[in-house]
Amino acid sequence: LDADYALNNFNWLWLSCSGFFHQYFRCYSPIAFQKKKDPSGSYIRKYLPKLAKLPDKYIYEPWKAPITVQEAAGIRVGVDYPKPIV
């Protein structure tokens, strides 16, 4: 296997902009990136079946969905699905 744990860990810190050495143009938002690359949320729908019934508009940010939309999709953020931690 080709692995260097120190390099890999620091690379993730750099790409997530959570290290002290990040470059602003290399910051990847997990929400914006996925909205651009998978606008319908098929990946999320496959691996997080609790979110599968949410409309495309809220698939990447379910906590922004109104309660009526959450209930129609069969979930409640904070009950069936965790609230965001950051």
PDB file of N, CA and C in Angstrom:
ATOM      1  N   LEU A   1       0.831  -1.178   0.000  1.00  0.00           N
ATOM      2  CA  LEU A   1       0.000   0.000   0.000  1.00  0.00           C
ATOM      3  C   LEU A   1       0.876   1.242   0.000  1.00  0.00           C
ATOM      4  N   ASP A   2       0.397   2.232  -0.679  1.00  0.00           N
ATOM      5  CA  ASP A   2       1.104   3.509  -0.716  1.00  0.00           C
ATOM      6  C   ASP A   2       0.363   4.475   0.196  1.00  0.00           C
ATOM      7  N   ALA A   3       0.872   4.638   1.410  1.00  0.00           N
ATOM      8  CA  ALA A   3       0.202   5.522   2.361  1.00  0.00           C
ATOM      9  C   ALA A   3       1.230   6.215   3.240  1.00  0.00           C
ATOM     10  N   ASP A   4       0.978   7.437   3.504  1.00  0.00           N
ATOM     11  CA  ASP A   4       1.779   8.204   4.454  1.00  0.00           C
ATOM     12  C   ASP A   4       0.788   8.958   5.315  1.00  0.00           C
ATOM     13  N   TYR A   5       0.592   8.472   6.520  1.00  0.00           N
ATOM     14  CA  TYR A   5      -0.466   9.012   7.367  1.00  0.00           C
ATOM     15  C   TYR A   5      -0.290  10.498   7.651  1.00  0.00           C
ATOM     16  N   ALA A   6       0.934  10.935   7.863  1.00  0.00           N
ATOM     17  CA  ALA A   6       1.157  12.357   8.136  1.00  0.00           C
ATOM     18  C   ALA A   6       0.779  13.203   6.934  1.00  0.00           C
ATOM     19  N   LEU A   7       1.209  12.800   5.767  1.00  0.00           N
ATOM     20  CA  LEU A   7       0.871  13.566   4.565  1.00  0.00           C
ATOM     21  C   LEU A   7      -0.627  13.544   4.297  1.00  0.00           C
ATOM     22  N   ASN A   8      -1.249  12.394   4.431  1.00  0.00           N
ATOM     23  CA  ASN A   8      -2.673  12.276   4.169  1.00  0.00           C
ATOM     24  C   ASN A   8      -3.477  13.159   5.130  1.00  0.00           C
ATOM     25  N   ASN A   9      -3.156  13.096   6.407  1.00  0.00           N
ATOM     26  CA  ASN A   9      -3.894  13.901   7.390  1.00  0.00           C
ATOM     27  C   ASN A   9      -3.730  15.389   7.131  1.00  0.00           C
ATOM     28  N   PHE A  10      -2.507  15.817   6.853  1.00  0.00           N
ATOM     29  CA  PHE A  10      -2.297  17.239   6.605  1.00  0.00           C
ATOM     30  C   PHE A  10      -2.920  17.679   5.282  1.00  0.00           C
ATOM     31  N   ASN A  11      -2.968  16.786   4.314  1.00  0.00           N
ATOM     32  CA  ASN A  11      -3.621  17.119   3.054  1.00  0.00           C
ATOM     33  C   ASN A  11      -5.110  17.370   3.286  1.00  0.00           C
ATOM     34  N   TRP A  12      -5.753  16.527   4.103  1.00  0.00           N
ATOM     35  CA  TRP A  12      -7.169  16.741   4.402  1.00  0.00           C
ATOM     36  C   TRP A  12      -7.382  18.033   5.170  1.00  0.00           C
ATOM     37  N   LEU A  13      -6.471  18.349   6.078  1.00  0.00           N
ATOM     38  CA  LEU A  13      -6.579  19.632   6.788  1.00  0.00           C
ATOM     39  C   LEU A  13      -6.476  20.792   5.811  1.00  0.00           C
ATOM     40  N   TRP A  14      -5.573  20.669   4.867  1.00  0.00           N
ATOM     41  CA  TRP A  14      -5.369  21.734   3.887  1.00  0.00           C
ATOM     42  C   TRP A  14      -6.610  21.908   3.009  1.00  0.00           C
ATOM     43  N   LEU A  15      -7.133  20.789   2.488  1.00  0.00           N
ATOM     44  CA  LEU A  15      -8.288  20.858   1.592  1.00  0.00           C
ATOM     45  C   LEU A  15      -9.559  21.308   2.309  1.00  0.00           C
ATOM     46  N   SER A  16      -9.681  20.989   3.575  1.00  0.00           N
ATOM     47  CA  SER A  16     -10.874  21.388   4.314  1.00  0.00           C
ATOM     48  C   SER A  16     -10.742  22.794   4.898  1.00  0.00           C
ATOM     49  N   CYS A  17      -9.579  23.392   4.742  1.00  0.00           N
ATOM     50  CA  CYS A  17      -9.288  24.740   5.268  1.00  0.00           C
ATOM     51  C   CYS A  17      -9.410  24.788   6.784  1.00  0.00           C
ATOM     52  N   SER A  18      -9.162  23.680   7.442  1.00  0.00           N
ATOM     53  CA  SER A  18      -9.200  23.667   8.899  1.00  0.00           C
ATOM     54  C   SER A  18      -7.800  23.677   9.504  1.00  0.00           C
ATOM     55  N   GLY A  19      -6.777  23.654   8.659  1.00  0.00           N
ATOM     56  CA  GLY A  19      -5.403  23.775   9.139  1.00  0.00           C
ATOM     57  C   GLY A  19      -4.970  25.230   9.127  1.00  0.00           C
ATOM     58  N   PHE A  20      -3.857  25.521   9.727  1.00  0.00           N
ATOM     59  CA  PHE A  20      -3.362  26.902   9.793  1.00  0.00           C
ATOM     60  C   PHE A  20      -2.663  27.333   8.514  1.00  0.00           C
ATOM     61  N   PHE A  21      -2.550  26.454   7.552  1.00  0.00           N
ATOM     62  CA  PHE A  21      -1.769  26.709   6.348  1.00  0.00           C
ATOM     63  C   PHE A  21      -2.604  26.655   5.078  1.00  0.00           C
ATOM     64  N   HIS A  22      -3.921  26.825   5.178  1.00  0.00           N
ATOM     65  CA  HIS A  22      -4.801  26.677   4.015  1.00  0.00           C
ATOM     66  C   HIS A  22      -4.633  27.828   3.017  1.00  0.00           C
ATOM     67  N   GLN A  23      -5.022  27.553   1.792  1.00  0.00           N
ATOM     68  CA  GLN A  23      -5.081  28.577   0.752  1.00  0.00           C
ATOM     69  C   GLN A  23      -6.551  28.779   0.426  1.00  0.00           C
ATOM     70  N   TYR A  24      -6.997  30.020   0.454  1.00  0.00           N
ATOM     71  CA  TYR A  24      -8.432  30.285   0.345  1.00  0.00           C
ATOM     72  C   TYR A  24      -9.057  29.745  -0.930  1.00  0.00           C
ATOM     73  N   PHE A  25      -8.312  29.657  -2.028  1.00  0.00           N
ATOM     74  CA  PHE A  25      -8.893  29.193  -3.285  1.00  0.00           C
ATOM     75  C   PHE A  25      -8.955  27.673  -3.367  1.00  0.00           C
ATOM     76  N   ARG A  26      -8.460  26.982  -2.379  1.00  0.00           N
ATOM     77  CA  ARG A  26      -8.509  25.523  -2.357  1.00  0.00           C
ATOM     78  C   ARG A  26      -9.498  24.985  -1.334  1.00  0.00           C
ATOM     79  N   CYS A  27     -10.332  25.832  -0.782  1.00  0.00           N
ATOM     80  CA  CYS A  27     -11.313  25.395   0.213  1.00  0.00           C
ATOM     81  C   CYS A  27     -12.522  24.783  -0.495  1.00  0.00           C
ATOM     82  N   TYR A  28     -12.878  23.588  -0.097  1.00  0.00           N
ATOM     83  CA  TYR A  28     -14.009  22.905  -0.699  1.00  0.00           C
ATOM     84  C   TYR A  28     -15.158  22.833   0.291  1.00  0.00           C
ATOM     85  N   SER A  29     -16.284  23.330  -0.094  1.00  0.00           N
ATOM     86  CA  SER A  29     -17.475  23.238   0.733  1.00  0.00           C
ATOM     87  C   SER A  29     -18.196  21.939   0.404  1.00  0.00           C
ATOM     88  N   PRO A  30     -18.472  21.100   1.399  1.00  0.00           N
ATOM     89  CA  PRO A  30     -19.171  19.853   1.105  1.00  0.00           C
ATOM     90  C   PRO A  30     -20.578  20.082   0.563  1.00  0.00           C
ATOM     91  N   ILE A  31     -21.149  21.237   0.845  1.00  0.00           N
ATOM     92  CA  ILE A  31     -22.488  21.533   0.338  1.00  0.00           C
ATOM     93  C   ILE A  31     -22.411  22.080  -1.077  1.00  0.00           C
ATOM     94  N   ALA A  32     -21.622  23.127  -1.286  1.00  0.00           N
ATOM     95  CA  ALA A  32     -21.531  23.762  -2.611  1.00  0.00           C
ATOM     96  C   ALA A  32     -20.958  22.806  -3.655  1.00  0.00           C
ATOM     97  N   PHE A  33     -19.954  22.030  -3.273  1.00  0.00           N
ATOM     98  CA  PHE A  33     -19.333  21.101  -4.215  1.00  0.00           C
ATOM     99  C   PHE A  33     -20.339  20.057  -4.683  1.00  0.00           C
ATOM    100  N   GLN A  34     -21.101  19.499  -3.753  1.00  0.00           N
ATOM    101  CA  GLN A  34     -22.076  18.467  -4.120  1.00  0.00           C
ATOM    102  C   GLN A  34     -23.243  19.040  -4.911  1.00  0.00           C
ATOM    103  N   LYS A  35     -23.673  20.251  -4.579  1.00  0.00           N
ATOM    104  CA  LYS A  35     -24.751  20.875  -5.356  1.00  0.00           C
ATOM    105  C   LYS A  35     -24.330  21.042  -6.807  1.00  0.00           C
ATOM    106  N   LYS A  36     -23.064  21.316  -7.010  1.00  0.00           N
ATOM    107  CA  LYS A  36     -22.548  21.509  -8.368  1.00  0.00           C
ATOM    108  C   LYS A  36     -22.382  20.169  -9.094  1.00  0.00           C
ATOM    109  N   LYS A  37     -21.859  19.161  -8.413  1.00  0.00           N
ATOM    110  CA  LYS A  37     -21.528  17.876  -9.047  1.00  0.00           C
ATOM    111  C   LYS A  37     -22.674  16.868  -9.063  1.00  0.00           C
ATOM    112  N   ASP A  38     -23.596  16.967  -8.128  1.00  0.00           N
ATOM    113  CA  ASP A  38     -24.712  16.019  -8.040  1.00  0.00           C
ATOM    114  C   ASP A  38     -25.977  16.775  -7.605  1.00  0.00           C
ATOM    115  N   PRO A  39     -26.510  17.630  -8.493  1.00  0.00           N
ATOM    116  CA  PRO A  39     -27.626  18.504  -8.094  1.00  0.00           C
ATOM    117  C   PRO A  39     -28.886  17.758  -7.645  1.00  0.00           C
ATOM    118  N   SER A  40     -29.114  16.558  -8.119  1.00  0.00           N
ATOM    119  CA  SER A  40     -30.313  15.821  -7.708  1.00  0.00           C
ATOM    120  C   SER A  40     -30.109  15.062  -6.402  1.00  0.00           C
ATOM    121  N   GLY A  41     -28.857  14.955  -5.941  1.00  0.00           N
ATOM    122  CA  GLY A  41     -28.581  14.287  -4.672  1.00  0.00           C
ATOM    123  C   GLY A  41     -28.686  12.785  -4.719  1.00  0.00           C
ATOM    124  N   SER A  42     -28.412  12.180  -5.862  1.00  0.00           N
ATOM    125  CA  SER A  42     -28.560  10.721  -5.974  1.00  0.00           C
ATOM    126  C   SER A  42     -27.621   9.969  -5.028  1.00  0.00           C
ATOM    127  N   TYR A  43     -26.424  10.477  -4.797  1.00  0.00           N
ATOM    128  CA  TYR A  43     -25.492   9.833  -3.859  1.00  0.00           C
ATOM    129  C   TYR A  43     -26.062   9.857  -2.443  1.00  0.00           C
ATOM    130  N   ILE A  44     -26.531  11.011  -2.017  1.00  0.00           N
ATOM    131  CA  ILE A  44     -27.115  11.138  -0.679  1.00  0.00           C
ATOM    132  C   ILE A  44     -28.344  10.240  -0.553  1.00  0.00           C
ATOM    133  N   ARG A  45     -29.180  10.247  -1.566  1.00  0.00           N
ATOM    134  CA  ARG A  45     -30.398   9.423  -1.525  1.00  0.00           C
ATOM    135  C   ARG A  45     -30.073   7.932  -1.413  1.00  0.00           C
ATOM    136  N   LYS A  46     -28.981   7.513  -2.049  1.00  0.00           N
ATOM    137  CA  LYS A  46     -28.594   6.097  -2.002  1.00  0.00           C
ATOM    138  C   LYS A  46     -28.060   5.701  -0.624  1.00  0.00           C
ATOM    139  N   TYR A  47     -27.177   6.523  -0.070  1.00  0.00           N
ATOM    140  CA  TYR A  47     -26.494   6.141   1.163  1.00  0.00           C
ATOM    141  C   TYR A  47     -27.124   6.691   2.444  1.00  0.00           C
ATOM    142  N   LEU A  48     -28.039   7.630   2.325  1.00  0.00           N
ATOM    143  CA  LEU A  48     -28.789   8.129   3.479  1.00  0.00           C
ATOM    144  C   LEU A  48     -30.277   8.035   3.167  1.00  0.00           C
ATOM    145  N   PRO A  49     -30.820   6.832   3.226  1.00  0.00           N
ATOM    146  CA  PRO A  49     -32.215   6.629   2.835  1.00  0.00           C
ATOM    147  C   PRO A  49     -33.211   7.480   3.629  1.00  0.00           C
ATOM    148  N   LYS A  50     -32.851   7.914   4.836  1.00  0.00           N
ATOM    149  CA  LYS A  50     -33.759   8.779   5.604  1.00  0.00           C
ATOM    150  C   LYS A  50     -34.003  10.100   4.886  1.00  0.00           C
ATOM    151  N   LEU A  51     -33.032  10.539   4.078  1.00  0.00           N
ATOM    152  CA  LEU A  51     -33.171  11.808   3.361  1.00  0.00           C
ATOM    153  C   LEU A  51     -33.702  11.641   1.942  1.00  0.00           C
ATOM    154  N   ALA A  52     -33.945  10.429   1.521  1.00  0.00           N
ATOM    155  CA  ALA A  52     -34.289  10.143   0.130  1.00  0.00           C
ATOM    156  C   ALA A  52     -35.534  10.870  -0.369  1.00  0.00           C
ATOM    157  N   LYS A  53     -36.477  11.126   0.498  1.00  0.00           N
ATOM    158  CA  LYS A  53     -37.733  11.741   0.056  1.00  0.00           C
ATOM    159  C   LYS A  53     -37.726  13.273   0.103  1.00  0.00           C
ATOM    160  N   LEU A  54     -36.613  13.847   0.535  1.00  0.00           N
ATOM    161  CA  LEU A  54     -36.532  15.312   0.548  1.00  0.00           C
ATOM    162  C   LEU A  54     -36.457  15.865  -0.867  1.00  0.00           C
ATOM    163  N   PRO A  55     -37.002  17.031  -1.114  1.00  0.00           N
ATOM    164  CA  PRO A  55     -36.860  17.664  -2.429  1.00  0.00           C
ATOM    165  C   PRO A  55     -35.393  18.020  -2.686  1.00  0.00           C
ATOM    166  N   ASP A  56     -35.027  18.113  -3.962  1.00  0.00           N
ATOM    167  CA  ASP A  56     -33.648  18.444  -4.339  1.00  0.00           C
ATOM    168  C   ASP A  56     -33.137  19.696  -3.642  1.00  0.00           C
ATOM    169  N   LYS A  57     -34.019  20.657  -3.454  1.00  0.00           N
ATOM    170  CA  LYS A  57     -33.633  21.938  -2.856  1.00  0.00           C
ATOM    171  C   LYS A  57     -33.034  21.767  -1.458  1.00  0.00           C
ATOM    172  N   TYR A  58     -33.473  20.756  -0.725  1.00  0.00           N
ATOM    173  CA  TYR A  58     -33.043  20.583   0.661  1.00  0.00           C
ATOM    174  C   TYR A  58     -32.193  19.339   0.891  1.00  0.00           C
ATOM    175  N   ILE A  59     -31.863  18.598  -0.135  1.00  0.00           N
ATOM    176  CA  ILE A  59     -31.163  17.329   0.065  1.00  0.00           C
ATOM    177  C   ILE A  59     -29.800  17.510   0.719  1.00  0.00           C
ATOM    178  N   TYR A  60     -29.112  18.603   0.434  1.00  0.00           N
ATOM    179  CA  TYR A  60     -27.792  18.833   1.033  1.00  0.00           C
ATOM    180  C   TYR A  60     -27.837  19.682   2.291  1.00  0.00           C
ATOM    181  N   GLU A  61     -28.948  20.298   2.573  1.00  0.00           N
ATOM    182  CA  GLU A  61     -29.116  21.096   3.785  1.00  0.00           C
ATOM    183  C   GLU A  61     -30.495  20.828   4.382  1.00  0.00           C
ATOM    184  N   PRO A  62     -30.722  19.617   4.883  1.00  0.00           N
ATOM    185  CA  PRO A  62     -32.058  19.265   5.371  1.00  0.00           C
ATOM    186  C   PRO A  62     -32.527  20.120   6.541  1.00  0.00           C
ATOM    187  N   TRP A  63     -31.621  20.689   7.291  1.00  0.00           N
ATOM    188  CA  TRP A  63     -31.996  21.540   8.430  1.00  0.00           C
ATOM    189  C   TRP A  63     -32.633  22.837   7.982  1.00  0.00           C
ATOM    190  N   LYS A  64     -32.499  23.206   6.705  1.00  0.00           N
ATOM    191  CA  LYS A  64     -33.135  24.420   6.184  1.00  0.00           C
ATOM    192  C   LYS A  64     -34.554  24.166   5.679  1.00  0.00           C
ATOM    193  N   ALA A  65     -34.938  22.909   5.597  1.00  0.00           N
ATOM    194  CA  ALA A  65     -36.286  22.575   5.126  1.00  0.00           C
ATOM    195  C   ALA A  65     -37.310  22.952   6.194  1.00  0.00           C
ATOM    196  N   PRO A  66     -38.408  23.572   5.785  1.00  0.00           N
ATOM    197  CA  PRO A  66     -39.480  23.859   6.750  1.00  0.00           C
ATOM    198  C   PRO A  66     -40.011  22.565   7.363  1.00  0.00           C
ATOM    199  N   ILE A  67     -40.570  22.683   8.526  1.00  0.00           N
ATOM    200  CA  ILE A  67     -41.091  21.502   9.233  1.00  0.00           C
ATOM    201  C   ILE A  67     -42.093  20.741   8.377  1.00  0.00           C
ATOM    202  N   THR A  68     -42.931  21.442   7.629  1.00  0.00           N
ATOM    203  CA  THR A  68     -43.928  20.761   6.787  1.00  0.00           C
ATOM    204  C   THR A  68     -43.253  19.910   5.713  1.00  0.00           C
ATOM    205  N   VAL A  69     -42.158  20.404   5.149  1.00  0.00           N
ATOM    206  CA  VAL A  69     -41.419  19.646   4.131  1.00  0.00           C
ATOM    207  C   VAL A  69     -40.741  18.441   4.780  1.00  0.00           C
ATOM    208  N   GLN A  70     -40.170  18.645   5.960  1.00  0.00           N
ATOM    209  CA  GLN A  70     -39.535  17.529   6.673  1.00  0.00           C
ATOM    210  C   GLN A  70     -40.559  16.438   6.989  1.00  0.00           C
ATOM    211  N   GLU A  71     -41.706  16.837   7.472  1.00  0.00           N
ATOM    212  CA  GLU A  71     -42.737  15.856   7.822  1.00  0.00           C
ATOM    213  C   GLU A  71     -43.244  15.116   6.592  1.00  0.00           C
ATOM    214  N   ALA A  72     -43.383  15.834   5.471  1.00  0.00           N
ATOM    215  CA  ALA A  72     -43.819  15.182   4.226  1.00  0.00           C
ATOM    216  C   ALA A  72     -42.791  14.161   3.758  1.00  0.00           C
ATOM    217  N   ALA A  73     -41.501  14.418   4.060  1.00  0.00           N
ATOM    218  CA  ALA A  73     -40.426  13.496   3.672  1.00  0.00           C
ATOM    219  C   ALA A  73     -40.235  12.379   4.693  1.00  0.00           C
ATOM    220  N   GLY A  74     -40.945  12.478   5.816  1.00  0.00           N
ATOM    221  CA  GLY A  74     -40.867  11.426   6.830  1.00  0.00           C
ATOM    222  C   GLY A  74     -39.686  11.548   7.778  1.00  0.00           C
ATOM    223  N   ILE A  75     -39.104  12.738   7.910  1.00  0.00           N
ATOM    224  CA  ILE A  75     -38.000  12.941   8.847  1.00  0.00           C
ATOM    225  C   ILE A  75     -38.220  14.214   9.642  1.00  0.00           C
ATOM    226  N   ARG A  76     -37.531  14.327  10.747  1.00  0.00           N
ATOM    227  CA  ARG A  76     -37.475  15.568  11.526  1.00  0.00           C
ATOM    228  C   ARG A  76     -36.019  15.752  11.913  1.00  0.00           C
ATOM    229  N   VAL A  77     -35.416  16.842  11.472  1.00  0.00           N
ATOM    230  CA  VAL A  77     -34.037  17.137  11.839  1.00  0.00           C
ATOM    231  C   VAL A  77     -33.982  17.372  13.338  1.00  0.00           C
ATOM    232  N   GLY A  78     -33.051  16.712  13.978  1.00  0.00           N
ATOM    233  CA  GLY A  78     -32.936  16.777  15.434  1.00  0.00           C
ATOM    234  C   GLY A  78     -33.600  15.607  16.119  1.00  0.00           C
ATOM    235  N   VAL A  79     -34.440  14.873  15.385  1.00  0.00           N
ATOM    236  CA  VAL A  79     -35.109  13.697  15.929  1.00  0.00           C
ATOM    237  C   VAL A  79     -34.673  12.458  15.156  1.00  0.00           C
ATOM    238  N   ASP A  80     -34.970  12.434  13.854  1.00  0.00           N
ATOM    239  CA  ASP A  80     -34.627  11.292  13.001  1.00  0.00           C
ATOM    240  C   ASP A  80     -33.265  11.448  12.320  1.00  0.00           C
ATOM    241  N   TYR A  81     -32.805  12.670  12.233  1.00  0.00           N
ATOM    242  CA  TYR A  81     -31.544  12.989  11.576  1.00  0.00           C
ATOM    243  C   TYR A  81     -30.866  14.073  12.397  1.00  0.00           C
ATOM    244  N   PRO A  82     -29.552  13.974  12.629  1.00  0.00           N
ATOM    245  CA  PRO A  82     -28.903  14.938  13.532  1.00  0.00           C
ATOM    246  C   PRO A  82     -28.860  16.367  12.990  1.00  0.00           C
ATOM    247  N   LYS A  83     -28.894  17.310  13.913  1.00  0.00           N
ATOM    248  CA  LYS A  83     -28.723  18.717  13.556  1.00  0.00           C
ATOM    249  C   LYS A  83     -27.256  18.943  13.182  1.00  0.00           C
ATOM    250  N   PRO A  84     -26.966  19.982  12.405  1.00  0.00           N
ATOM    251  CA  PRO A  84     -25.564  20.267  12.090  1.00  0.00           C
ATOM    252  C   PRO A  84     -24.795  20.641  13.364  1.00  0.00           C
ATOM    253  N   ILE A  85     -23.518  20.274  13.418  1.00  0.00           N
ATOM    254  CA  ILE A  85     -22.742  20.550  14.617  1.00  0.00           C
ATOM    255  C   ILE A  85     -21.918  21.828  14.511  1.00  0.00           C
ATOM    256  N   VAL A  86     -21.804  22.352  13.324  1.00  0.00           N
ATOM    257  CA  VAL A  86     -21.029  23.592  13.151  1.00  0.00           C
ATOM    258  C   VAL A  86     -21.937  24.684  12.649  1.00  0.00           C
TER     259      VAL A  86
END
